[in-house]
């Protein structure tokens, strides 16, 4: 347990950030699994948005994001 005032504040901030990051990661996993089970064009946009938000918060590496986007777009039937 932190003793100093700034350490206590940092612990609170870290807890808030951890909770929010978990929400973002969970949303990403949910959207990807939905896309894999029932691929649709509007679902693809939601997946891309979730991936980009995770990259913006440094939760997913940008190369992994590119790979995920590629995999998800290949699930759609070609026209």
PDB file of N, CA and C in Angstrom:
ATOM      1  N   UNK A   1       0.849  -1.180   0.000  1.00  0.00           N
ATOM      2  CA  UNK A   1       0.000   0.000   0.000  1.00  0.00           C
ATOM      3  C   UNK A   1       0.893   1.242   0.000  1.00  0.00           C
ATOM      4  N   UNK A   2       0.600   2.208  -0.866  1.00  0.00           N
ATOM      5  CA  UNK A   2       1.449   3.406  -0.930  1.00  0.00           C
ATOM      6  C   UNK A   2       1.306   4.273   0.319  1.00  0.00           C
ATOM      7  N   UNK A   3       2.400   4.913   0.673  1.00  0.00           N
ATOM      8  CA  UNK A   3       2.413   5.768   1.855  1.00  0.00           C
ATOM      9  C   UNK A   3       2.326   7.243   1.493  1.00  0.00           C
ATOM     10  N   UNK A   4       2.981   7.625   0.413  1.00  0.00           N
ATOM     11  CA  UNK A   4       3.044   9.024   0.032  1.00  0.00           C
ATOM     12  C   UNK A   4       1.782   9.452  -0.714  1.00  0.00           C
ATOM     13  N   UNK A   5       1.495  10.738  -0.612  1.00  0.00           N
ATOM     14  CA  UNK A   5       0.273  11.275  -1.215  1.00  0.00           C
ATOM     15  C   UNK A   5       0.258  11.091  -2.732  1.00  0.00           C
ATOM     16  N   UNK A   6       1.373  11.382  -3.388  1.00  0.00           N
ATOM     17  CA  UNK A   6       1.404  11.253  -4.851  1.00  0.00           C
ATOM     18  C   UNK A   6       1.343   9.781  -5.276  1.00  0.00           C
ATOM     19  N   UNK A   7       1.840   8.895  -4.441  1.00  0.00           N
ATOM     20  CA  UNK A   7       1.767   7.469  -4.762  1.00  0.00           C
ATOM     21  C   UNK A   7       0.331   6.964  -4.639  1.00  0.00           C
ATOM     22  N   UNK A   8      -0.392   7.471  -3.674  1.00  0.00           N
ATOM     23  CA  UNK A   8      -1.804   7.105  -3.509  1.00  0.00           C
ATOM     24  C   UNK A   8      -2.616   7.583  -4.709  1.00  0.00           C
ATOM     25  N   UNK A   9      -2.331   8.811  -5.149  1.00  0.00           N
ATOM     26  CA  UNK A   9      -3.030   9.361  -6.307  1.00  0.00           C
ATOM     27  C   UNK A   9      -2.688   8.562  -7.563  1.00  0.00           C
ATOM     28  N   UNK A  10      -1.433   8.183  -7.714  1.00  0.00           N
ATOM     29  CA  UNK A  10      -1.031   7.394  -8.872  1.00  0.00           C
ATOM     30  C   UNK A  10      -1.715   6.034  -8.875  1.00  0.00           C
ATOM     31  N   UNK A  11      -1.901   5.447  -7.709  1.00  0.00           N
ATOM     32  CA  UNK A  11      -2.594   4.167  -7.608  1.00  0.00           C
ATOM     33  C   UNK A  11      -4.048   4.299  -8.038  1.00  0.00           C
ATOM     34  N   UNK A  12      -4.698   5.383  -7.611  1.00  0.00           N
ATOM     35  CA  UNK A  12      -6.092   5.617  -8.012  1.00  0.00           C
ATOM     36  C   UNK A  12      -6.189   5.815  -9.524  1.00  0.00           C
ATOM     37  N   UNK A  13      -5.272   6.607 -10.077  1.00  0.00           N
ATOM     38  CA  UNK A  13      -5.281   6.857 -11.520  1.00  0.00           C
ATOM     39  C   UNK A  13      -5.021   5.573 -12.292  1.00  0.00           C
ATOM     40  N   UNK A  14      -4.106   4.775 -11.805  1.00  0.00           N
ATOM     41  CA  UNK A  14      -3.790   3.513 -12.460  1.00  0.00           C
ATOM     42  C   UNK A  14      -4.999   2.579 -12.452  1.00  0.00           C
ATOM     43  N   UNK A  15      -5.723   2.556 -11.362  1.00  0.00           N
ATOM     44  CA  UNK A  15      -6.917   1.711 -11.268  1.00  0.00           C
ATOM     45  C   UNK A  15      -7.982   2.160 -12.264  1.00  0.00           C
ATOM     46  N   UNK A  16      -8.165   3.484 -12.392  1.00  0.00           N
ATOM     47  CA  UNK A  16      -9.146   4.004 -13.352  1.00  0.00           C
ATOM     48  C   UNK A  16      -8.748   3.647 -14.781  1.00  0.00           C
ATOM     49  N   UNK A  17      -7.475   3.840 -15.094  1.00  0.00           N
ATOM     50  CA  UNK A  17      -6.997   3.547 -16.449  1.00  0.00           C
ATOM     51  C   UNK A  17      -7.101   2.061 -16.748  1.00  0.00           C
ATOM     52  N   UNK A  18      -6.793   1.219 -15.772  1.00  0.00           N
ATOM     53  CA  UNK A  18      -6.873  -0.226 -15.965  1.00  0.00           C
ATOM     54  C   UNK A  18      -8.299  -0.640 -16.268  1.00  0.00           C
ATOM     55  N   UNK A  19      -9.245  -0.086 -15.517  1.00  0.00           N
ATOM     56  CA  UNK A  19     -10.654  -0.419 -15.734  1.00  0.00           C
ATOM     57  C   UNK A  19     -11.104  -0.010 -17.130  1.00  0.00           C
ATOM     58  N   UNK A  20     -10.741   1.193 -17.563  1.00  0.00           N
ATOM     59  CA  UNK A  20     -11.139   1.664 -18.879  1.00  0.00           C
ATOM     60  C   UNK A  20     -10.476   0.843 -19.988  1.00  0.00           C
ATOM     61  N   UNK A  21      -9.196   0.526 -19.800  1.00  0.00           N
ATOM     62  CA  UNK A  21      -8.484  -0.275 -20.800  1.00  0.00           C
ATOM     63  C   UNK A  21      -9.097  -1.665 -20.921  1.00  0.00           C
ATOM     64  N   UNK A  22      -9.540  -2.229 -19.812  1.00  0.00           N
ATOM     65  CA  UNK A  22     -10.192  -3.541 -19.860  1.00  0.00           C
ATOM     66  C   UNK A  22     -11.488  -3.469 -20.662  1.00  0.00           C
ATOM     67  N   UNK A  23     -12.219  -2.373 -20.532  1.00  0.00           N
ATOM     68  CA  UNK A  23     -13.453  -2.189 -21.300  1.00  0.00           C
ATOM     69  C   UNK A  23     -13.146  -2.128 -22.793  1.00  0.00           C
ATOM     70  N   UNK A  24     -12.102  -1.397 -23.153  1.00  0.00           N
ATOM     71  CA  UNK A  24     -11.734  -1.253 -24.559  1.00  0.00           C
ATOM     72  C   UNK A  24     -11.306  -2.603 -25.133  1.00  0.00           C
ATOM     73  N   UNK A  25     -10.500  -3.352 -24.377  1.00  0.00           N
ATOM     74  CA  UNK A  25     -10.046  -4.667 -24.843  1.00  0.00           C
ATOM     75  C   UNK A  25     -11.214  -5.644 -24.958  1.00  0.00           C
ATOM     76  N   UNK A  26     -12.134  -5.571 -24.010  1.00  0.00           N
ATOM     77  CA  UNK A  26     -13.302  -6.453 -24.042  1.00  0.00           C
ATOM     78  C   UNK A  26     -14.168  -6.138 -25.254  1.00  0.00           C
ATOM     79  N   UNK A  27     -14.355  -4.860 -25.529  1.00  0.00           N
ATOM     80  CA  UNK A  27     -15.132  -4.445 -26.695  1.00  0.00           C
ATOM     81  C   UNK A  27     -14.478  -4.958 -27.979  1.00  0.00           C
ATOM     82  N   UNK A  28     -13.159  -4.876 -28.045  1.00  0.00           N
ATOM     83  CA  UNK A  28     -12.427  -5.363 -29.210  1.00  0.00           C
ATOM     84  C   UNK A  28     -12.660  -6.861 -29.402  1.00  0.00           C
ATOM     85  N   UNK A  29     -12.500  -7.630 -28.331  1.00  0.00           N
ATOM     86  CA  UNK A  29     -12.689  -9.079 -28.418  1.00  0.00           C
ATOM     87  C   UNK A  29     -14.116  -9.429 -28.829  1.00  0.00           C
ATOM     88  N   UNK A  30     -15.085  -8.704 -28.278  1.00  0.00           N
ATOM     89  CA  UNK A  30     -16.493  -8.963 -28.593  1.00  0.00           C
ATOM     90  C   UNK A  30     -16.781  -8.704 -30.058  1.00  0.00           C
ATOM     91  N   UNK A  31     -16.314  -7.574 -30.568  1.00  0.00           N
ATOM     92  CA  UNK A  31     -16.576  -7.222 -31.958  1.00  0.00           C
ATOM     93  C   UNK A  31     -15.897  -8.200 -32.916  1.00  0.00           C
ATOM     94  N   UNK A  32     -14.696  -8.620 -32.593  1.00  0.00           N
ATOM     95  CA  UNK A  32     -13.985  -9.567 -33.451  1.00  0.00           C
ATOM     96  C   UNK A  32     -14.717 -10.913 -33.470  1.00  0.00           C
ATOM     97  N   UNK A  33     -15.157 -11.367 -32.307  1.00  0.00           N
ATOM     98  CA  UNK A  33     -15.856 -12.659 -32.275  1.00  0.00           C
ATOM     99  C   UNK A  33     -17.196 -12.584 -32.992  1.00  0.00           C
ATOM    100  N   UNK A  34     -17.888 -11.453 -32.885  1.00  0.00           N
ATOM    101  CA  UNK A  34     -19.151 -11.286 -33.614  1.00  0.00           C
ATOM    102  C   UNK A  34     -18.912 -11.313 -35.123  1.00  0.00           C
ATOM    103  N   UNK A  35     -17.825 -10.683 -35.544  1.00  0.00           N
ATOM    104  CA  UNK A  35     -17.506 -10.650 -36.964  1.00  0.00           C
ATOM    105  C   UNK A  35     -17.162 -12.048 -37.474  1.00  0.00           C
ATOM    106  N   UNK A  36     -16.454 -12.814 -36.649  1.00  0.00           N
ATOM    107  CA  UNK A  36     -16.079 -14.160 -37.070  1.00  0.00           C
ATOM    108  C   UNK A  36     -17.286 -15.086 -37.171  1.00  0.00           C
ATOM    109  N   UNK A  37     -18.289 -14.882 -36.306  1.00  0.00           N
ATOM    110  CA  UNK A  37     -19.456 -15.760 -36.338  1.00  0.00           C
ATOM    111  C   UNK A  37     -20.446 -15.366 -37.423  1.00  0.00           C
ATOM    112  N   UNK A  38     -20.652 -14.063 -37.614  1.00  0.00           N
ATOM    113  CA  UNK A  38     -21.613 -13.590 -38.614  1.00  0.00           C
ATOM    114  C   UNK A  38     -21.051 -12.371 -39.328  1.00  0.00           C
ATOM    115  N   UNK A  39     -20.228 -12.563 -40.353  1.00  0.00           N
ATOM    116  CA  UNK A  39     -19.612 -11.421 -41.030  1.00  0.00           C
ATOM    117  C   UNK A  39     -20.622 -10.592 -41.827  1.00  0.00           C
ATOM    118  N   UNK A  40     -20.611  -9.293 -41.575  1.00  0.00           N
ATOM    119  CA  UNK A  40     -21.460  -8.345 -42.290  1.00  0.00           C
ATOM    120  C   UNK A  40     -20.662  -7.073 -42.521  1.00  0.00           C
ATOM    121  N   UNK A  41     -21.092  -6.289 -43.502  1.00  0.00           N
ATOM    122  CA  UNK A  41     -20.363  -5.075 -43.856  1.00  0.00           C
ATOM    123  C   UNK A  41     -20.421  -4.053 -42.721  1.00  0.00           C
ATOM    124  N   UNK A  42     -21.590  -3.861 -42.115  1.00  0.00           N
ATOM    125  CA  UNK A  42     -21.694  -2.875 -41.031  1.00  0.00           C
ATOM    126  C   UNK A  42     -20.924  -3.337 -39.791  1.00  0.00           C
ATOM    127  N   UNK A  43     -20.817  -4.629 -39.609  1.00  0.00           N
ATOM    128  CA  UNK A  43     -20.036  -5.167 -38.496  1.00  0.00           C
ATOM    129  C   UNK A  43     -18.552  -4.879 -38.703  1.00  0.00           C
ATOM    130  N   UNK A  44     -18.113  -4.890 -39.950  1.00  0.00           N
ATOM    131  CA  UNK A  44     -16.711  -4.625 -40.259  1.00  0.00           C
ATOM    132  C   UNK A  44     -16.308  -3.226 -39.799  1.00  0.00           C
ATOM    133  N   UNK A  45     -17.187  -2.267 -39.979  1.00  0.00           N
ATOM    134  CA  UNK A  45     -16.890  -0.895 -39.546  1.00  0.00           C
ATOM    135  C   UNK A  45     -16.737  -0.827 -38.025  1.00  0.00           C
ATOM    136  N   UNK A  46     -17.563  -1.575 -37.306  1.00  0.00           N
ATOM    137  CA  UNK A  46     -17.472  -1.595 -35.843  1.00  0.00           C
ATOM    138  C   UNK A  46     -16.172  -2.252 -35.385  1.00  0.00           C
ATOM    139  N   UNK A  47     -15.757  -3.290 -36.088  1.00  0.00           N
ATOM    140  CA  UNK A  47     -14.491  -3.951 -35.757  1.00  0.00           C
ATOM    141  C   UNK A  47     -13.331  -2.998 -35.997  1.00  0.00           C
ATOM    142  N   UNK A  48     -13.324  -2.327 -37.135  1.00  0.00           N
ATOM    143  CA  UNK A  48     -12.247  -1.382 -37.442  1.00  0.00           C
ATOM    144  C   UNK A  48     -12.165  -0.280 -36.393  1.00  0.00           C
ATOM    145  N   UNK A  49     -13.323   0.208 -35.969  1.00  0.00           N
ATOM    146  CA  UNK A  49     -13.357   1.256 -34.956  1.00  0.00           C
ATOM    147  C   UNK A  49     -12.781   0.756 -33.635  1.00  0.00           C
ATOM    148  N   UNK A  50     -13.177  -0.440 -33.219  1.00  0.00           N
ATOM    149  CA  UNK A  50     -12.671  -0.999 -31.965  1.00  0.00           C
ATOM    150  C   UNK A  50     -11.167  -1.240 -32.033  1.00  0.00           C
ATOM    151  N   UNK A  51     -10.694  -1.716 -33.171  1.00  0.00           N
ATOM    152  CA  UNK A  51      -9.256  -1.959 -33.344  1.00  0.00           C
ATOM    153  C   UNK A  51      -8.495  -0.640 -33.272  1.00  0.00           C
ATOM    154  N   UNK A  52      -8.986   0.377 -33.957  1.00  0.00           N
ATOM    155  CA  UNK A  52      -8.293   1.664 -33.966  1.00  0.00           C
ATOM    156  C   UNK A  52      -8.258   2.302 -32.575  1.00  0.00           C
ATOM    157  N   UNK A  53      -9.330   2.144 -31.809  1.00  0.00           N
ATOM    158  CA  UNK A  53      -9.352   2.692 -30.450  1.00  0.00           C
ATOM    159  C   UNK A  53      -8.355   1.965 -29.558  1.00  0.00           C
ATOM    160  N   UNK A  54      -8.221   0.666 -29.750  1.00  0.00           N
ATOM    161  CA  UNK A  54      -7.257  -0.102 -28.959  1.00  0.00           C
ATOM    162  C   UNK A  54      -5.828   0.300 -29.316  1.00  0.00           C
ATOM    163  N   UNK A  55      -5.581   0.562 -30.589  1.00  0.00           N
ATOM    164  CA  UNK A  55      -4.242   0.997 -31.008  1.00  0.00           C
ATOM    165  C   UNK A  55      -3.945   2.381 -30.436  1.00  0.00           C
ATOM    166  N   UNK A  56      -4.925   3.247 -30.454  1.00  0.00           N
ATOM    167  CA  UNK A  56      -4.733   4.606 -29.957  1.00  0.00           C
ATOM    168  C   UNK A  56      -4.334   4.610 -28.481  1.00  0.00           C
ATOM    169  N   UNK A  57      -4.847   3.657 -27.724  1.00  0.00           N
ATOM    170  CA  UNK A  57      -4.526   3.571 -26.301  1.00  0.00           C
ATOM    171  C   UNK A  57      -3.333   2.654 -26.027  1.00  0.00           C
ATOM    172  N   UNK A  58      -2.663   2.197 -27.086  1.00  0.00           N
ATOM    173  CA  UNK A  58      -1.488   1.329 -26.985  1.00  0.00           C
ATOM    174  C   UNK A  58      -1.806   0.006 -26.303  1.00  0.00           C
ATOM    175  N   UNK A  59      -3.003  -0.516 -26.546  1.00  0.00           N
ATOM    176  CA  UNK A  59      -3.383  -1.812 -26.001  1.00  0.00           C
ATOM    177  C   UNK A  59      -3.072  -2.931 -26.983  1.00  0.00           C
ATOM    178  N   UNK A  60      -2.994  -2.575 -28.266  1.00  0.00           N
ATOM    179  CA  UNK A  60      -2.689  -3.530 -29.321  1.00  0.00           C
ATOM    180  C   UNK A  60      -1.628  -2.887 -30.206  1.00  0.00           C
ATOM    181  N   UNK A  61      -0.653  -3.679 -30.603  1.00  0.00           N
ATOM    182  CA  UNK A  61       0.391  -3.159 -31.493  1.00  0.00           C
ATOM    183  C   UNK A  61      -0.211  -2.866 -32.865  1.00  0.00           C
ATOM    184  N   UNK A  62       0.316  -1.865 -33.544  1.00  0.00           N
ATOM    185  CA  UNK A  62      -0.269  -1.454 -34.821  1.00  0.00           C
ATOM    186  C   UNK A  62      -0.159  -2.549 -35.881  1.00  0.00           C
ATOM    187  N   UNK A  63       0.866  -3.366 -35.812  1.00  0.00           N
ATOM    188  CA  UNK A  63       0.969  -4.462 -36.776  1.00  0.00           C
ATOM    189  C   UNK A  63      -0.101  -5.520 -36.525  1.00  0.00           C
ATOM    190  N   UNK A  64      -0.383  -5.788 -35.265  1.00  0.00           N
ATOM    191  CA  UNK A  64      -1.449  -6.734 -34.943  1.00  0.00           C
ATOM    192  C   UNK A  64      -2.789  -6.169 -35.396  1.00  0.00           C
ATOM    193  N   UNK A  65      -2.956  -4.867 -35.247  1.00  0.00           N
ATOM    194  CA  UNK A  65      -4.196  -4.224 -35.681  1.00  0.00           C
ATOM    195  C   UNK A  65      -4.365  -4.374 -37.189  1.00  0.00           C
ATOM    196  N   UNK A  66      -3.292  -4.165 -37.927  1.00  0.00           N
ATOM    197  CA  UNK A  66      -3.361  -4.308 -39.378  1.00  0.00           C
ATOM    198  C   UNK A  66      -3.694  -5.748 -39.759  1.00  0.00           C
ATOM    199  N   UNK A  67      -3.100  -6.695 -39.044  1.00  0.00           N
ATOM    200  CA  UNK A  67      -3.364  -8.104 -39.316  1.00  0.00           C
ATOM    201  C   UNK A  67      -4.825  -8.451 -39.019  1.00  0.00           C
ATOM    202  N   UNK A  68      -5.340  -7.938 -37.900  1.00  0.00           N
ATOM    203  CA  UNK A  68      -6.747  -8.175 -37.549  1.00  0.00           C
ATOM    204  C   UNK A  68      -7.689  -7.592 -38.596  1.00  0.00           C
ATOM    205  N   UNK A  69      -7.406  -6.374 -39.021  1.00  0.00           N
ATOM    206  CA  UNK A  69      -8.246  -5.734 -40.035  1.00  0.00           C
ATOM    207  C   UNK A  69      -8.252  -6.539 -41.323  1.00  0.00           C
ATOM    208  N   UNK A  70      -7.086  -7.025 -41.700  1.00  0.00           N
ATOM    209  CA  UNK A  70      -6.981  -7.825 -42.914  1.00  0.00           C
ATOM    210  C   UNK A  70      -7.777  -9.121 -42.779  1.00  0.00           C
ATOM    211  N   UNK A  71      -7.633  -9.782 -41.654  1.00  0.00           N
ATOM    212  CA  UNK A  71      -8.364 -11.038 -41.431  1.00  0.00           C
ATOM    213  C   UNK A  71      -9.871 -10.813 -41.444  1.00  0.00           C
ATOM    214  N   UNK A  72     -10.313  -9.729 -40.814  1.00  0.00           N
ATOM    215  CA  UNK A  72     -11.746  -9.459 -40.739  1.00  0.00           C
ATOM    216  C   UNK A  72     -12.311  -9.104 -42.113  1.00  0.00           C
ATOM    217  N   UNK A  73     -11.565  -8.345 -42.904  1.00  0.00           N
ATOM    218  CA  UNK A  73     -12.067  -7.959 -44.223  1.00  0.00           C
ATOM    219  C   UNK A  73     -12.105  -9.162 -45.161  1.00  0.00           C
ATOM    220  N   UNK A  74     -11.228 -10.150 -44.949  1.00  0.00           N
ATOM    221  CA  UNK A  74     -11.249 -11.346 -45.787  1.00  0.00           C
ATOM    222  C   UNK A  74     -12.449 -12.241 -45.479  1.00  0.00           C
ATOM    223  N   UNK A  75     -13.086 -12.042 -44.341  1.00  0.00           N
ATOM    224  CA  UNK A  75     -14.253 -12.846 -43.995  1.00  0.00           C
ATOM    225  C   UNK A  75     -15.472 -12.513 -44.857  1.00  0.00           C
ATOM    226  N   UNK A  76     -15.506 -11.280 -45.360  1.00  0.00           N
ATOM    227  CA  UNK A  76     -16.629 -10.868 -46.193  1.00  0.00           C
ATOM    228  C   UNK A  76     -16.514 -11.500 -47.569  1.00  0.00           C
ATOM    229  N   UNK A  77     -17.643 -11.873 -48.141  1.00  0.00           N
ATOM    230  CA  UNK A  77     -17.583 -12.431 -49.509  1.00  0.00           C
ATOM    231  C   UNK A  77     -17.184 -11.340 -50.485  1.00  0.00           C
ATOM    232  N   UNK A  78     -16.349 -11.697 -51.447  1.00  0.00           N
ATOM    233  CA  UNK A  78     -15.921 -10.718 -52.454  1.00  0.00           C
ATOM    234  C   UNK A  78     -17.058 -10.482 -53.445  1.00  0.00           C
ATOM    235  N   UNK A  79     -17.086  -9.274 -53.985  1.00  0.00           N
ATOM    236  CA  UNK A  79     -18.182  -8.901 -54.883  1.00  0.00           C
ATOM    237  C   UNK A  79     -17.894  -9.310 -56.294  1.00  0.00           C
TER     238      UNK A  79
END
